[in-house]
């Protein structure tokens, strides 16, 4: 059986997302509910599933800086689980 690593965003990663949004999103950190933060985490997990880093993006029109901003969740914000893939 082939093995692969499944990476998911953990609580530390959620806090990293919350901080990034609070510092850079026009709506501020208080706007984002736990469910909304989980949706951002799912975006990062999708990025991982595509073979990319755990990245989220704020569109230019939602950024306080007026430009698109990306954020990469650190390794401390990710849990890794080794799984076996059935043939």
N, C-alpha and C. Protein backbone atom coordinates (compact mmCIF):
# COMPACT_ATOMS: atom_id res chain seq x y z
N UNK A 1 0.84 -1.20 0.00
CA UNK A 1 0.00 0.00 0.00
C UNK A 1 0.87 1.25 0.00
N UNK A 2 0.41 2.21 -0.73
CA UNK A 2 1.12 3.49 -0.81
C UNK A 2 0.71 4.37 0.37
N UNK A 3 1.67 5.06 0.93
CA UNK A 3 1.38 5.95 2.06
C UNK A 3 1.44 7.40 1.60
N UNK A 4 0.63 8.23 2.24
CA UNK A 4 0.68 9.66 1.99
C UNK A 4 0.42 10.40 3.29
N UNK A 5 0.76 11.67 3.29
CA UNK A 5 0.59 12.52 4.47
C UNK A 5 -0.61 13.44 4.26
N UNK A 6 -1.56 13.37 5.17
CA UNK A 6 -2.72 14.26 5.15
C UNK A 6 -2.44 15.39 6.13
N UNK A 7 -2.46 16.62 5.63
CA UNK A 7 -2.25 17.79 6.50
C UNK A 7 -3.55 18.53 6.66
N UNK A 8 -3.86 18.89 7.91
CA UNK A 8 -5.06 19.65 8.22
C UNK A 8 -4.70 20.82 9.12
N UNK A 9 -5.51 21.87 9.07
CA UNK A 9 -5.28 23.05 9.89
C UNK A 9 -5.76 22.76 11.31
N UNK A 10 -4.90 23.03 12.29
CA UNK A 10 -5.26 22.81 13.70
C UNK A 10 -5.64 24.13 14.36
N UNK A 11 -5.85 24.11 15.67
CA UNK A 11 -6.27 25.33 16.40
C UNK A 11 -5.24 26.45 16.28
N UNK A 12 -3.97 26.09 16.31
CA UNK A 12 -2.93 27.10 16.13
C UNK A 12 -3.08 27.76 14.76
N UNK A 13 -3.34 26.97 13.74
CA UNK A 13 -3.54 27.50 12.40
C UNK A 13 -4.75 28.42 12.32
N UNK A 14 -5.82 28.05 13.01
CA UNK A 14 -7.02 28.90 13.06
C UNK A 14 -6.67 30.25 13.68
N UNK A 15 -5.88 30.22 14.74
CA UNK A 15 -5.46 31.48 15.39
C UNK A 15 -4.57 32.31 14.47
N UNK A 16 -3.71 31.64 13.70
CA UNK A 16 -2.89 32.36 12.73
C UNK A 16 -3.78 33.05 11.70
N UNK A 17 -4.80 32.36 11.23
CA UNK A 17 -5.74 32.94 10.26
C UNK A 17 -6.47 34.12 10.89
N UNK A 18 -6.95 33.94 12.12
CA UNK A 18 -7.68 35.01 12.81
C UNK A 18 -6.81 36.27 12.92
N UNK A 19 -5.55 36.09 13.29
CA UNK A 19 -4.64 37.23 13.44
C UNK A 19 -4.39 37.90 12.09
N UNK A 20 -4.14 37.12 11.06
CA UNK A 20 -3.91 37.67 9.73
C UNK A 20 -5.11 38.49 9.26
N UNK A 21 -6.31 37.96 9.43
CA UNK A 21 -7.51 38.67 9.03
C UNK A 21 -7.71 39.94 9.85
N UNK A 22 -7.47 39.85 11.15
CA UNK A 22 -7.64 41.02 12.03
C UNK A 22 -6.70 42.14 11.62
N UNK A 23 -5.51 41.80 11.19
CA UNK A 23 -4.51 42.80 10.83
C UNK A 23 -4.65 43.33 9.40
N UNK A 24 -5.36 42.59 8.52
CA UNK A 24 -5.31 42.93 7.10
C UNK A 24 -6.65 43.04 6.38
N UNK A 25 -7.73 42.54 6.97
CA UNK A 25 -9.04 42.55 6.30
C UNK A 25 -9.82 43.80 6.71
N UNK A 26 -10.51 44.40 5.75
CA UNK A 26 -11.30 45.61 6.02
C UNK A 26 -12.34 45.40 7.11
N UNK A 27 -12.86 44.20 7.23
CA UNK A 27 -13.92 43.94 8.22
C UNK A 27 -13.37 43.70 9.62
N UNK A 28 -12.08 43.54 9.75
CA UNK A 28 -11.46 43.34 11.06
C UNK A 28 -11.68 41.95 11.62
N UNK A 29 -10.94 41.63 12.64
CA UNK A 29 -10.96 40.29 13.21
C UNK A 29 -12.25 39.92 13.91
N UNK A 30 -12.93 40.88 14.48
CA UNK A 30 -14.17 40.59 15.21
C UNK A 30 -15.30 40.13 14.30
N UNK A 31 -15.20 40.44 13.03
CA UNK A 31 -16.23 40.07 12.07
C UNK A 31 -16.31 38.57 11.84
N UNK A 32 -15.20 37.88 11.94
CA UNK A 32 -15.12 36.48 11.54
C UNK A 32 -15.50 35.53 12.67
N UNK A 33 -16.57 34.78 12.42
CA UNK A 33 -17.08 33.80 13.38
C UNK A 33 -16.21 32.53 13.31
N UNK A 34 -16.34 31.64 14.29
CA UNK A 34 -15.60 30.37 14.21
C UNK A 34 -15.89 29.60 12.91
N UNK A 35 -17.14 29.58 12.47
CA UNK A 35 -17.47 28.89 11.22
C UNK A 35 -16.79 29.54 10.02
N UNK A 36 -16.72 30.86 10.03
CA UNK A 36 -16.06 31.56 8.94
C UNK A 36 -14.56 31.26 8.94
N UNK A 37 -13.96 31.20 10.11
CA UNK A 37 -12.54 30.87 10.19
C UNK A 37 -12.28 29.45 9.70
N UNK A 38 -13.20 28.53 10.01
CA UNK A 38 -13.08 27.16 9.51
C UNK A 38 -13.15 27.13 7.98
N UNK A 39 -13.97 27.99 7.39
CA UNK A 39 -14.05 28.06 5.93
C UNK A 39 -12.72 28.52 5.34
N UNK A 40 -12.08 29.51 5.98
CA UNK A 40 -10.75 29.94 5.53
C UNK A 40 -9.76 28.78 5.67
N UNK A 41 -9.86 28.02 6.76
CA UNK A 41 -8.97 26.87 6.97
C UNK A 41 -9.18 25.83 5.88
N UNK A 42 -10.42 25.61 5.47
CA UNK A 42 -10.71 24.66 4.39
C UNK A 42 -10.07 25.12 3.08
N UNK A 43 -10.05 26.43 2.84
CA UNK A 43 -9.36 26.95 1.66
C UNK A 43 -7.87 26.59 1.70
N UNK A 44 -7.26 26.74 2.88
CA UNK A 44 -5.85 26.40 3.04
C UNK A 44 -5.63 24.90 2.84
N UNK A 45 -6.55 24.08 3.35
CA UNK A 45 -6.44 22.63 3.18
C UNK A 45 -6.59 22.24 1.72
N UNK A 46 -7.46 22.95 1.00
CA UNK A 46 -7.59 22.68 -0.44
C UNK A 46 -6.28 23.00 -1.15
N UNK A 47 -5.66 24.11 -0.78
CA UNK A 47 -4.37 24.46 -1.36
C UNK A 47 -3.35 23.34 -1.11
N UNK A 48 -3.35 22.81 0.09
CA UNK A 48 -2.46 21.70 0.42
C UNK A 48 -2.75 20.48 -0.45
N UNK A 49 -4.02 20.19 -0.66
CA UNK A 49 -4.41 19.02 -1.43
C UNK A 49 -3.99 19.13 -2.90
N UNK A 50 -3.76 20.35 -3.34
CA UNK A 50 -3.30 20.59 -4.71
C UNK A 50 -1.78 20.58 -4.81
N UNK A 51 -1.10 20.29 -3.69
CA UNK A 51 0.35 20.22 -3.69
C UNK A 51 1.04 21.55 -3.41
N UNK A 52 0.27 22.52 -2.94
CA UNK A 52 0.80 23.85 -2.63
C UNK A 52 0.91 24.04 -1.12
N UNK A 53 1.55 25.13 -0.68
CA UNK A 53 1.55 25.43 0.76
C UNK A 53 0.14 25.75 1.25
N UNK A 54 -0.03 25.79 2.56
CA UNK A 54 -1.33 26.12 3.18
C UNK A 54 -1.53 27.64 3.12
N UNK A 55 -2.10 28.10 2.01
CA UNK A 55 -2.22 29.53 1.74
C UNK A 55 -3.68 29.96 1.74
N UNK A 56 -3.92 31.15 2.30
CA UNK A 56 -5.21 31.82 2.13
C UNK A 56 -4.93 33.18 1.49
N UNK A 57 -5.97 33.78 0.93
CA UNK A 57 -5.80 35.03 0.20
C UNK A 57 -6.93 35.99 0.50
N UNK A 58 -6.56 37.25 0.72
CA UNK A 58 -7.55 38.33 0.84
C UNK A 58 -7.52 39.08 -0.49
N UNK A 59 -8.68 39.21 -1.12
CA UNK A 59 -8.77 39.94 -2.39
C UNK A 59 -8.43 41.42 -2.17
N UNK A 60 -7.96 42.06 -3.20
CA UNK A 60 -7.53 43.46 -3.09
C UNK A 60 -8.63 44.36 -2.55
N UNK A 61 -9.88 44.13 -2.95
CA UNK A 61 -10.97 44.99 -2.50
C UNK A 61 -11.37 44.75 -1.04
N UNK A 62 -10.92 43.65 -0.44
CA UNK A 62 -11.19 43.38 0.97
C UNK A 62 -10.01 43.69 1.88
N UNK A 63 -8.87 43.99 1.28
CA UNK A 63 -7.66 44.26 2.04
C UNK A 63 -7.57 45.73 2.44
N UNK A 64 -7.10 45.99 3.65
CA UNK A 64 -6.90 47.37 4.09
C UNK A 64 -5.77 48.03 3.31
N UNK A 65 -4.97 47.24 2.64
CA UNK A 65 -3.82 47.75 1.88
C UNK A 65 -4.14 47.99 0.41
N UNK A 66 -5.34 47.59 -0.03
CA UNK A 66 -5.74 47.82 -1.40
C UNK A 66 -5.07 46.92 -2.42
N UNK A 67 -4.46 45.84 -1.96
CA UNK A 67 -3.83 44.88 -2.87
C UNK A 67 -4.11 43.48 -2.34
N UNK A 68 -4.05 42.52 -3.24
CA UNK A 68 -4.25 41.12 -2.84
C UNK A 68 -3.16 40.73 -1.86
N UNK A 69 -3.54 40.05 -0.80
CA UNK A 69 -2.59 39.60 0.21
C UNK A 69 -2.75 38.11 0.43
N UNK A 70 -1.63 37.42 0.50
CA UNK A 70 -1.65 36.00 0.79
C UNK A 70 -0.97 35.76 2.12
N UNK A 71 -1.37 34.67 2.75
CA UNK A 71 -0.80 34.27 4.02
C UNK A 71 -0.59 32.77 3.99
N UNK A 72 0.58 32.34 4.43
CA UNK A 72 0.89 30.92 4.52
C UNK A 72 0.89 30.49 5.98
N UNK A 73 0.08 29.52 6.32
CA UNK A 73 0.01 28.99 7.68
C UNK A 73 1.32 28.24 7.95
N UNK A 74 1.91 28.50 9.10
CA UNK A 74 3.18 27.85 9.45
C UNK A 74 2.95 26.37 9.76
N UNK A 75 4.05 25.61 9.81
CA UNK A 75 3.96 24.18 10.14
C UNK A 75 3.32 23.95 11.51
N UNK A 76 3.51 24.89 12.44
CA UNK A 76 2.91 24.75 13.77
C UNK A 76 1.38 24.79 13.70
N UNK A 77 0.85 25.34 12.62
CA UNK A 77 -0.59 25.44 12.44
C UNK A 77 -1.20 24.28 11.69
N UNK A 78 -0.38 23.25 11.44
CA UNK A 78 -0.86 22.10 10.67
C UNK A 78 -0.63 20.80 11.43
N UNK A 79 -1.59 19.91 11.36
CA UNK A 79 -1.43 18.56 11.87
C UNK A 79 -1.17 17.66 10.68
N UNK A 80 -0.29 16.68 10.86
CA UNK A 80 0.04 15.72 9.81
C UNK A 80 -0.32 14.32 10.26
N UNK A 81 -0.94 13.59 9.36
CA UNK A 81 -1.32 12.22 9.64
C UNK A 81 -0.90 11.35 8.46
N UNK A 82 -0.18 10.28 8.75
CA UNK A 82 0.23 9.36 7.69
C UNK A 82 -0.88 8.35 7.46
N UNK A 83 -1.33 8.25 6.21
CA UNK A 83 -2.41 7.35 5.85
C UNK A 83 -1.94 6.42 4.75
N UNK A 84 -2.62 5.30 4.62
CA UNK A 84 -2.34 4.35 3.54
C UNK A 84 -3.43 4.45 2.49
N UNK A 85 -2.99 4.50 1.24
CA UNK A 85 -3.94 4.58 0.13
C UNK A 85 -4.13 3.17 -0.43
N UNK A 86 -5.38 2.78 -0.57
CA UNK A 86 -5.66 1.46 -1.12
C UNK A 86 -5.45 1.47 -2.62
N UNK A 87 -4.95 0.36 -3.13
CA UNK A 87 -4.71 0.26 -4.57
C UNK A 87 -5.99 0.10 -5.34
